[in-house]
Protein backbone atom coordinates (compact mmCIF):
# COMPACT_ATOMS: atom_id res chain seq x y z
CA MET A 1 15.71 -4.25 19.65
CA LYS A 2 17.12 -6.77 22.08
CA LEU A 3 16.93 -9.64 19.23
CA ALA A 4 18.79 -7.41 17.08
CA GLU A 5 21.43 -6.82 19.66
CA ALA A 6 21.59 -10.54 20.30
CA PHE A 7 22.11 -11.34 16.80
CA VAL A 8 23.88 -8.59 15.16
CA GLU A 9 27.35 -10.26 15.14
CA HIS A 10 25.72 -13.27 13.68
CA VAL A 11 23.87 -11.33 11.07
CA ALA A 12 27.17 -9.03 10.19
CA ALA A 13 29.06 -12.44 9.54
CA SER A 14 26.14 -13.91 7.37
CA ARG A 15 26.12 -13.98 3.63
CA MET A 16 22.90 -11.90 3.29
CA LYS A 17 23.28 -9.79 6.24
CA VAL A 18 19.56 -8.75 6.58
CA MET A 19 17.54 -8.23 9.59
CA ALA A 20 13.73 -8.30 8.72
CA PHE A 21 11.13 -7.57 11.50
CA VAL A 22 7.29 -8.32 11.00
CA SER A 23 5.48 -5.22 11.51
CA SER A 24 2.07 -4.39 10.26
CA ARG A 25 0.55 -1.86 8.18
CA MET A 26 -1.52 -0.97 11.47
CA GLY A 27 1.80 0.69 12.73
CA SER A 28 1.81 3.14 9.58
CA ILE A 29 0.65 6.50 10.72
CA THR A 30 -0.22 7.64 7.30
CA LEU A 31 -2.58 4.58 6.67
CA ASN A 32 -4.55 4.98 9.80
CA MET A 33 -8.05 6.03 8.54
CA THR A 34 -9.98 4.25 11.23
CA GLY A 35 -8.50 4.83 14.53
CA GLY A 36 -8.75 2.53 17.34
CA SER A 37 -6.38 -0.61 18.31
CA TYR A 38 -4.27 1.79 20.38
CA ALA A 39 -2.07 -0.71 21.98
CA TYR A 40 -1.41 -2.56 18.79
CA ARG A 41 -0.97 0.32 16.52
CA SER A 42 1.63 2.02 19.02
CA SER A 43 3.68 -1.22 19.53
CA LYS A 44 3.71 -1.68 15.70
CA ALA A 45 4.71 2.13 15.17
CA GLY A 46 7.35 1.78 17.74
CA LEU A 47 8.87 -1.28 16.20
CA ASN A 48 8.81 0.64 12.87
CA ALA A 49 10.97 3.45 14.72
CA VAL A 50 13.21 0.96 15.89
CA VAL A 51 13.48 -0.51 12.33
CA LYS A 52 14.53 2.79 10.90
CA GLY A 53 17.07 3.64 13.70
CA LEU A 54 18.66 0.23 13.34
CA ALA A 55 18.80 0.61 9.62
CA ILE A 56 20.86 3.94 10.25
CA ASP A 57 23.16 2.50 12.81
CA LEU A 58 23.97 -0.73 10.87
CA GLN A 59 24.37 0.86 7.59
CA PRO A 60 28.30 1.11 8.14
CA ARG A 61 28.34 -2.57 8.76
CA HIS A 62 26.48 -3.32 5.47
CA ILE A 63 23.26 -4.77 7.26
CA LEU A 64 20.02 -4.44 5.55
CA VAL A 65 17.19 -3.71 7.86
CA LEU A 66 13.36 -3.89 6.80
CA ALA A 67 9.88 -3.78 8.36
CA LEU A 68 7.42 -6.27 6.72
CA HIS A 69 3.71 -6.41 6.68
CA PRO A 70 2.60 -9.90 6.46
CA GLY A 71 -1.00 -9.15 5.39
CA TRP A 72 -4.09 -10.16 7.32
CA ALA A 73 -2.79 -13.67 7.25
CA LYS A 74 -5.27 -16.79 7.69
CA THR A 75 -4.46 -17.41 11.26
CA GLU A 76 -7.88 -16.49 12.48
CA PRO A 77 -11.58 -16.26 10.75
CA GLY A 78 -11.96 -13.68 8.31
CA ALA A 79 -8.46 -13.38 7.18
CA ARG A 80 -7.73 -12.91 3.65
CA VAL A 81 -4.25 -13.96 2.74
CA ASP A 82 -2.97 -17.48 2.97
CA VAL A 83 -0.20 -17.96 5.30
CA ASP A 84 2.06 -19.69 2.52
CA ARG A 85 1.55 -16.67 0.38
CA SER A 86 2.39 -14.34 2.97
CA VAL A 87 5.81 -16.18 3.86
CA ALA A 88 6.70 -16.55 0.40
CA GLY A 89 6.15 -12.77 -0.51
CA MET A 90 8.12 -11.68 2.55
CA ARG A 91 10.92 -14.16 1.64
CA ALA A 92 10.85 -12.59 -1.91
CA VAL A 93 10.84 -9.21 -0.35
CA ILE A 94 13.94 -9.92 1.69
CA GLN A 95 15.98 -11.62 -1.26
CA ARG A 96 15.13 -8.63 -3.66
CA CYS A 97 15.89 -5.70 -1.34
CA SER A 98 19.17 -3.81 -1.65
CA ARG A 99 21.06 -1.55 0.73
CA HIS A 100 19.17 1.44 -0.86
CA GLU A 101 16.04 0.00 0.72
CA THR A 102 17.31 -0.38 4.16
CA GLY A 103 15.02 1.18 6.79
CA CYS A 104 11.93 0.75 4.46
CA PHE A 105 8.65 -0.76 5.15
CA PHE A 106 7.06 -3.19 2.80
CA ALA A 107 3.94 -5.19 2.59
CA PHE A 108 4.19 -9.11 1.51
CA ASN A 109 3.35 -8.13 -2.00
CA ASP A 110 6.39 -6.02 -2.40
CA THR A 111 4.34 -2.86 -2.14
CA MET A 112 6.37 -0.09 -0.10
CA LEU A 113 4.35 1.36 2.84
CA PRO A 114 4.41 4.79 4.28
CA TRP A 115 5.66 5.39 7.77
């Protein structure tokens, strides 16, 4: 939230007018089928709530706000998604999204995720 406050004027003056936040599907209450990871899940769920609130507050300034799930990126053993693929996918989502999708939650493969 503090980063959004710090950068809002720069984003408002930019060509794309997008604020994208890296979340996780583990922050989705709907998709939680395994329990556990309470601190991580709650921090991402909190971020998702901030994204939704920012989307509402910044809509009059035509700023698009998104939450993005990068996939289980290969930054640790066992991960499935190549980092380059994750980043390319998130960039494509950012470039494709319109004002009608502000406040939404997307995976790197352009799948809309439930809160």
